[in-house]
C-alpha atoms as a PDB file:
ATOM      1  CA  MET A   1     -10.438  -6.730 -10.698  1.00  0.00           C
ATOM      2  CA  ALA A   2     -13.929  -5.544  -9.811  1.00  0.00           C
ATOM      3  CA  VAL A   3     -14.896  -5.587  -6.163  1.00  0.00           C
ATOM      4  CA  ASP A   4     -18.264  -7.046  -5.241  1.00  0.00           C
ATOM      5  CA  LEU A   5     -19.204  -4.393  -2.692  1.00  0.00           C
ATOM      6  CA  GLN A   6     -22.393  -6.244  -1.773  1.00  0.00           C
ATOM      7  CA  GLU A   7     -20.299  -9.281  -0.836  1.00  0.00           C
ATOM      8  CA  ILE A   8     -18.031  -7.050   1.289  1.00  0.00           C
ATOM      9  CA  ILE A   9     -21.082  -5.646   3.075  1.00  0.00           C
ATOM     10  CA  ARG A  10     -22.591  -9.096   3.503  1.00  0.00           C
ATOM     11  CA  ALA A  11     -19.356 -10.427   5.009  1.00  0.00           C
ATOM     12  CA  ARG A  12     -19.534  -7.775   7.747  1.00  0.00           C
ATOM     13  CA  GLU A  13     -23.242  -8.311   8.387  1.00  0.00           C
ATOM     14  CA  GLU A  14     -22.776 -12.072   8.759  1.00  0.00           C
ATOM     15  CA  ALA A  15     -19.457 -12.001  10.624  1.00  0.00           C
ATOM     16  CA  ASP A  16     -18.966 -13.310  14.138  1.00  0.00           C
ATOM     17  CA  CYS A  17     -17.877 -10.586  16.567  1.00  0.00           C
ATOM     18  CA  LEU A  18     -14.984 -12.083  18.556  1.00  0.00           C
ATOM     19  CA  ALA A  19     -14.036  -8.919  20.472  1.00  0.00           C
ATOM     20  CA  ASP A  20     -16.530  -6.083  20.734  1.00  0.00           C
ATOM     21  CA  GLU A  21     -15.623  -2.412  20.983  1.00  0.00           C
ATOM     22  CA  ALA A  22     -15.530  -2.531  24.794  1.00  0.00           C
ATOM     23  CA  ALA A  23     -13.092  -5.472  24.755  1.00  0.00           C
ATOM     24  CA  VAL A  24     -10.865  -3.661  22.244  1.00  0.00           C
ATOM     25  CA  GLU A  25     -10.928  -0.480  24.346  1.00  0.00           C
ATOM     26  CA  ALA A  26     -10.014  -2.454  27.476  1.00  0.00           C
ATOM     27  CA  ALA A  27      -7.150  -4.147  25.616  1.00  0.00           C
ATOM     28  CA  LEU A  28      -5.870  -0.768  24.391  1.00  0.00           C
ATOM     29  CA  ALA A  29      -5.990   0.599  27.944  1.00  0.00           C
ATOM     30  CA  ARG A  30      -3.989  -2.387  29.269  1.00  0.00           C
ATOM     31  CA  LEU A  31      -1.469  -2.073  26.449  1.00  0.00           C
ATOM     32  CA  ALA A  32      -1.003   1.637  27.157  1.00  0.00           C
ATOM     33  CA  VAL A  33      -0.267   0.949  30.831  1.00  0.00           C
ATOM     34  CA  ASP A  34       2.227  -1.801  29.981  1.00  0.00           C
ATOM     35  CA  VAL A  35       3.999   0.146  27.229  1.00  0.00           C
ATOM     36  CA  THR A  36       4.176   3.255  29.402  1.00  0.00           C
ATOM     37  CA  ALA A  37       5.688   1.315  32.304  1.00  0.00           C
ATOM     38  CA  ARG A  38       8.361  -0.148  30.028  1.00  0.00           C
ATOM     39  CA  LEU A  39       9.216   2.753  27.697  1.00  0.00           C
ATOM     40  CA  GLN A  40       8.253   6.078  29.279  1.00  0.00           C
ATOM     41  CA  HIS A  41      11.847   7.035  30.116  1.00  0.00           C
ATOM     42  CA  SER A  42      13.579   5.681  27.006  1.00  0.00           C
ATOM     43  CA  ASN A  43      12.815   8.249  24.270  1.00  0.00           C
ATOM     44  CA  PRO A  44      11.424   5.484  22.039  1.00  0.00           C
ATOM     45  CA  LEU A  45      11.076   5.462  18.295  1.00  0.00           C
ATOM     46  CA  VAL A  46       7.755   3.846  17.374  1.00  0.00           C
ATOM     47  CA  TYR A  47       7.493   2.207  13.966  1.00  0.00           C
ATOM     48  CA  VAL A  48       3.993   1.507  12.650  1.00  0.00           C
ATOM     49  CA  VAL A  49       3.801  -1.405  10.213  1.00  0.00           C
ATOM     50  CA  MET A  50       1.577  -0.419   7.313  1.00  0.00           C
ATOM     51  CA  ASN A  51      -1.187  -0.929   6.502  1.00  0.00           C
ATOM     52  CA  GLY A  52      -2.540  -3.011   9.341  1.00  0.00           C
ATOM     53  CA  GLY A  53      -0.792  -1.170  12.151  1.00  0.00           C
ATOM     54  CA  LEU A  54      -2.279   2.191  11.164  1.00  0.00           C
ATOM     55  CA  ILE A  55      -5.606   1.844  13.013  1.00  0.00           C
ATOM     56  CA  PHE A  56      -3.995   0.184  16.038  1.00  0.00           C
ATOM     57  CA  ALA A  57      -1.381   2.952  16.289  1.00  0.00           C
ATOM     58  CA  GLY A  58      -4.014   5.656  15.919  1.00  0.00           C
ATOM     59  CA  ARG A  59      -5.922   4.216  18.847  1.00  0.00           C
ATOM     60  CA  LEU A  60      -2.927   3.379  21.080  1.00  0.00           C
ATOM     61  CA  LEU A  61      -0.509   6.288  20.651  1.00  0.00           C
ATOM     62  CA  PRO A  62      -2.777   9.013  22.136  1.00  0.00           C
ATOM     63  CA  ARG A  63      -2.921   6.910  25.316  1.00  0.00           C
ATOM     64  CA  LEU A  64       0.863   7.032  25.804  1.00  0.00           C
ATOM     65  CA  PRO A  65       1.596  10.038  28.052  1.00  0.00           C
ATOM     66  CA  PHE A  66       5.302  10.396  27.285  1.00  0.00           C
ATOM     67  CA  PRO A  67       7.439  11.795  24.460  1.00  0.00           C
ATOM     68  CA  LEU A  68       8.062   9.454  21.568  1.00  0.00           C
ATOM     69  CA  GLU A  69       8.954   9.667  17.901  1.00  0.00           C
ATOM     70  CA  VAL A  70       6.652   8.035  15.343  1.00  0.00           C
ATOM     71  CA  ALA A  71       7.527   6.712  11.902  1.00  0.00           C
ATOM     72  CA  TYR A  72       6.193   4.035   9.608  1.00  0.00           C
ATOM     73  CA  LEU A  73       7.483   1.220   7.495  1.00  0.00           C
ATOM     74  CA  HIS A  74       5.912  -1.127   5.003  1.00  0.00           C
ATOM     75  CA  ALA A  75       7.369  -4.523   4.304  1.00  0.00           C
ATOM     76  CA  THR A  76       6.153  -7.872   3.051  1.00  0.00           C
ATOM     77  CA  ARG A  77       7.953 -11.162   2.614  1.00  0.00           C
ATOM     78  CA  TYR A  78       9.205 -11.949  -0.860  1.00  0.00           C
ATOM     79  CA  GLY A  79       6.985 -14.219  -2.896  1.00  0.00           C
ATOM     80  CA  LEU A  80       5.555 -17.258  -1.213  1.00  0.00           C
ATOM     81  CA  ALA A  81       8.533 -17.913   1.053  1.00  0.00           C
ATOM     82  CA  THR A  82       7.594 -19.142   4.485  1.00  0.00           C
ATOM     83  CA  HIS A  83      11.056 -18.980   6.020  1.00  0.00           C
ATOM     84  CA  GLY A  84      13.861 -16.483   6.085  1.00  0.00           C
ATOM     85  CA  THR A  85      14.156 -12.761   6.448  1.00  0.00           C
ATOM     86  CA  LEU A  86      14.065 -11.483   2.873  1.00  0.00           C
ATOM     87  CA  LEU A  87      11.651  -8.605   2.813  1.00  0.00           C
ATOM     88  CA  ASP A  88      10.096  -6.615   0.033  1.00  0.00           C
ATOM     89  CA  TRP A  89      10.473  -3.118   1.496  1.00  0.00           C
ATOM     90  CA  ARG A  90       7.709  -0.858   0.222  1.00  0.00           C
ATOM     91  CA  VAL A  91       8.864   1.848   2.666  1.00  0.00           C
ATOM     92  CA  ARG A  92      12.146   1.319   4.506  1.00  0.00           C
ATOM     93  CA  PRO A  93      12.929   2.603   7.992  1.00  0.00           C
ATOM     94  CA  THR A  94      14.350   6.115   7.616  1.00  0.00           C
ATOM     95  CA  GLN A  95      15.371   7.203  11.127  1.00  0.00           C
ATOM     96  CA  ASP A  96      18.789   6.645  12.676  1.00  0.00           C
ATOM     97  CA  LEU A  97      18.230   3.636  14.944  1.00  0.00           C
ATOM     98  CA  ARG A  98      21.654   3.484  16.591  1.00  0.00           C
ATOM     99  CA  GLY A  99      21.259   3.190  20.333  1.00  0.00           C
ATOM    100  CA  ARG A 100      17.484   3.736  20.266  1.00  0.00           C
ATOM    101  CA  SER A 101      14.696   1.838  21.932  1.00  0.00           C
ATOM    102  CA  VAL A 102      12.308   0.890  19.130  1.00  0.00           C
ATOM    103  CA  LEU A 103       8.707  -0.233  19.463  1.00  0.00           C
ATOM    104  CA  VAL A 104       7.105  -1.875  16.428  1.00  0.00           C
ATOM    105  CA  LEU A 105       3.288  -1.674  16.269  1.00  0.00           C
ATOM    106  CA  ASP A 106       1.284  -4.075  14.117  1.00  0.00           C
ATOM    107  CA  ASP A 107      -2.333  -5.162  14.089  1.00  0.00           C
ATOM    108  CA  ILE A 108      -1.835  -8.918  14.429  1.00  0.00           C
ATOM    109  CA  LEU A 109       0.736 -11.588  15.145  1.00  0.00           C
ATOM    110  CA  ASP A 110      -0.392 -14.440  12.947  1.00  0.00           C
ATOM    111  CA  GLU A 111       2.547 -16.600  11.865  1.00  0.00           C
ATOM    112  CA  GLY A 112       5.005 -13.806  12.576  1.00  0.00           C
ATOM    113  CA  TYR A 113       7.539 -14.263   9.784  1.00  0.00           C
ATOM    114  CA  THR A 114       7.324 -10.677   8.565  1.00  0.00           C
ATOM    115  CA  LEU A 115       7.366  -9.205  12.067  1.00  0.00           C
ATOM    116  CA  ALA A 116      10.383 -11.344  12.998  1.00  0.00           C
ATOM    117  CA  ALA A 117      12.230 -10.193   9.871  1.00  0.00           C
ATOM    118  CA  ILE A 118      11.408  -6.536  10.599  1.00  0.00           C
ATOM    119  CA  VAL A 119      12.719  -6.888  14.155  1.00  0.00           C
ATOM    120  CA  GLU A 120      15.905  -8.564  12.892  1.00  0.00           C
ATOM    121  CA  HIS A 121      16.437  -5.749  10.381  1.00  0.00           C
ATOM    122  CA  LEU A 122      15.949  -3.019  13.003  1.00  0.00           C
ATOM    123  CA  ARG A 123      18.413  -4.724  15.343  1.00  0.00           C
ATOM    124  CA  ALA A 124      20.938  -5.035  12.510  1.00  0.00           C
ATOM    125  CA  GLU A 125      20.555  -1.279  11.919  1.00  0.00           C
ATOM    126  CA  GLY A 126      21.775  -0.639  15.463  1.00  0.00           C
ATOM    127  CA  ALA A 127      18.696  -0.331  17.643  1.00  0.00           C
ATOM    128  CA  ARG A 128      19.564  -0.802  21.318  1.00  0.00           C
ATOM    129  CA  GLU A 129      16.374  -2.796  21.804  1.00  0.00           C
ATOM    130  CA  VAL A 130      13.422  -3.677  19.611  1.00  0.00           C
ATOM    131  CA  LEU A 131      10.089  -4.436  21.234  1.00  0.00           C
ATOM    132  CA  THR A 132       6.848  -5.405  19.525  1.00  0.00           C
ATOM    133  CA  ALA A 133       3.208  -4.659  20.294  1.00  0.00           C
ATOM    134  CA  VAL A 134       0.190  -6.157  18.557  1.00  0.00           C
ATOM    135  CA  LEU A 135      -3.487  -5.755  19.169  1.00  0.00           C
ATOM    136  CA  VAL A 136      -4.193  -9.402  18.327  1.00  0.00           C
ATOM    137  CA  HIS A 137      -2.241 -12.595  18.916  1.00  0.00           C
ATOM    138  CA  LYS A 138      -3.799 -15.295  16.758  1.00  0.00           C
ATOM    139  CA  GLU A 139      -3.931 -18.582  18.665  1.00  0.00           C
ATOM    140  CA  HIS A 140      -2.302 -21.419  16.716  1.00  0.00           C
ATOM    141  CA  GLU A 141       0.948 -23.375  16.529  1.00  0.00           C
ATOM    142  CA  ARG A 142       2.165 -22.127  13.103  1.00  0.00           C
ATOM    143  CA  LYS A 143       4.358 -19.323  14.455  1.00  0.00           C
ATOM    144  CA  ALA A 144       7.730 -18.515  12.918  1.00  0.00           C
ATOM    145  CA  TYR A 145       9.306 -19.658  16.189  1.00  0.00           C
ATOM    146  CA  PRO A 146       7.781 -21.992  18.796  1.00  0.00           C
ATOM    147  CA  GLY A 147       6.025 -19.975  21.480  1.00  0.00           C
ATOM    148  CA  MET A 148       6.492 -16.701  19.580  1.00  0.00           C
ATOM    149  CA  ARG A 149       4.675 -13.727  21.142  1.00  0.00           C
ATOM    150  CA  ALA A 150       4.893  -9.975  20.909  1.00  0.00           C
ATOM    151  CA  ASP A 151       6.332  -8.148  23.892  1.00  0.00           C
ATOM    152  CA  PHE A 152       2.932  -6.477  24.350  1.00  0.00           C
ATOM    153  CA  THR A 153      -0.343  -8.134  23.306  1.00  0.00           C
ATOM    154  CA  GLY A 154      -3.871  -6.790  23.558  1.00  0.00           C
ATOM    155  CA  LEU A 155      -6.048  -9.826  22.852  1.00  0.00           C
ATOM    156  CA  ASP A 156      -5.604 -13.529  22.173  1.00  0.00           C
ATOM    157  CA  ILE A 157      -8.070 -14.468  19.438  1.00  0.00           C
ATOM    158  CA  ALA A 158      -9.039 -17.775  17.838  1.00  0.00           C
ATOM    159  CA  ASP A 159      -7.454 -18.900  14.572  1.00  0.00           C
ATOM    160  CA  ARG A 160     -10.047 -17.563  12.142  1.00  0.00           C
ATOM    161  CA  PHE A 161     -10.063 -15.113   9.234  1.00  0.00           C
ATOM    162  CA  LEU A 162     -10.194 -11.831  11.166  1.00  0.00           C
ATOM    163  CA  PHE A 163     -10.970  -8.253  10.202  1.00  0.00           C
ATOM    164  CA  GLY A 164     -11.484  -4.925  11.936  1.00  0.00           C
ATOM    165  CA  CYS A 165      -9.143  -2.732  14.010  1.00  0.00           C
ATOM    166  CA  GLY A 166      -6.615  -2.656  11.177  1.00  0.00           C
ATOM    167  CA  MET A 167      -7.101  -6.169   9.827  1.00  0.00           C
ATOM    168  CA  ASP A 168      -8.847  -6.352   6.496  1.00  0.00           C
ATOM    169  CA  TYR A 169     -11.233  -8.490   4.508  1.00  0.00           C
ATOM    170  CA  GLN A 170     -10.361  -8.146   0.806  1.00  0.00           C
ATOM    171  CA  GLY A 171      -8.912  -4.705   1.511  1.00  0.00           C
ATOM    172  CA  TYR A 172     -12.010  -3.519   3.398  1.00  0.00           C
ATOM    173  CA  TRP A 173     -13.208  -3.187   6.999  1.00  0.00           C
ATOM    174  CA  ARG A 174      -9.862  -2.172   8.558  1.00  0.00           C
ATOM    175  CA  ASN A 175     -11.970   0.655   9.986  1.00  0.00           C
ATOM    176  CA  ALA A 176     -14.401  -1.626  11.860  1.00  0.00           C
ATOM    177  CA  PRO A 177     -14.164  -0.727  15.573  1.00  0.00           C
ATOM    178  CA  ALA A 178     -14.355  -4.321  16.814  1.00  0.00           C
ATOM    179  CA  ILE A 179     -12.737  -7.620  15.756  1.00  0.00           C
ATOM    180  CA  TYR A 180     -14.757  -9.912  13.544  1.00  0.00           C
ATOM    181  CA  ALA A 181     -14.293 -13.309  11.967  1.00  0.00           C
ATOM    182  CA  VAL A 182     -15.626 -14.093   8.518  1.00  0.00           C
ATOM    183  CA  LYS A 183     -18.496 -16.562   8.859  1.00  0.00           C
ATOM    184  CA  GLY A 184     -17.351 -20.047   7.946  1.00  0.00           C
ATOM    185  CA  LEU A 185     -13.651 -19.136   7.765  1.00  0.00           C
END
């Protein structure tokens, strides 16, 4: 499938900026304070959810002034299922989780089915506690569970098609330093 690079560029040029770089930086600073207060003495294992969590983790982890172990995982839900915990593991968790505090980093909590399934899996593998942190909480009522939220959230953003800071538009713009919404979506 050929990519229309001009359309990708146009999407960024026409996008609505919903959180500029300063707002993202402030959110990262708040997250770092909150995560540090909660986990600084627990020798946490931090799992980055690929691919979206990569940029978020790269911007948050240097702000955490305590020892931690970092790993990554990559999972998607099977097929078009909207319920349940069956995951297609592209990269499974590899560390021994027994008795560990685990923090899962992802770019966005949209509906949350995949994140909920990842958390359930990590708990089943013996983690003492599993906490979640997202840069963006998308505001809508379609969550996997009523009132679902991450343990740590940077920004609450409107229910639009978002990109930047790890979120992508057709595989592009994860690297954008702010959070944008595709015009008209």
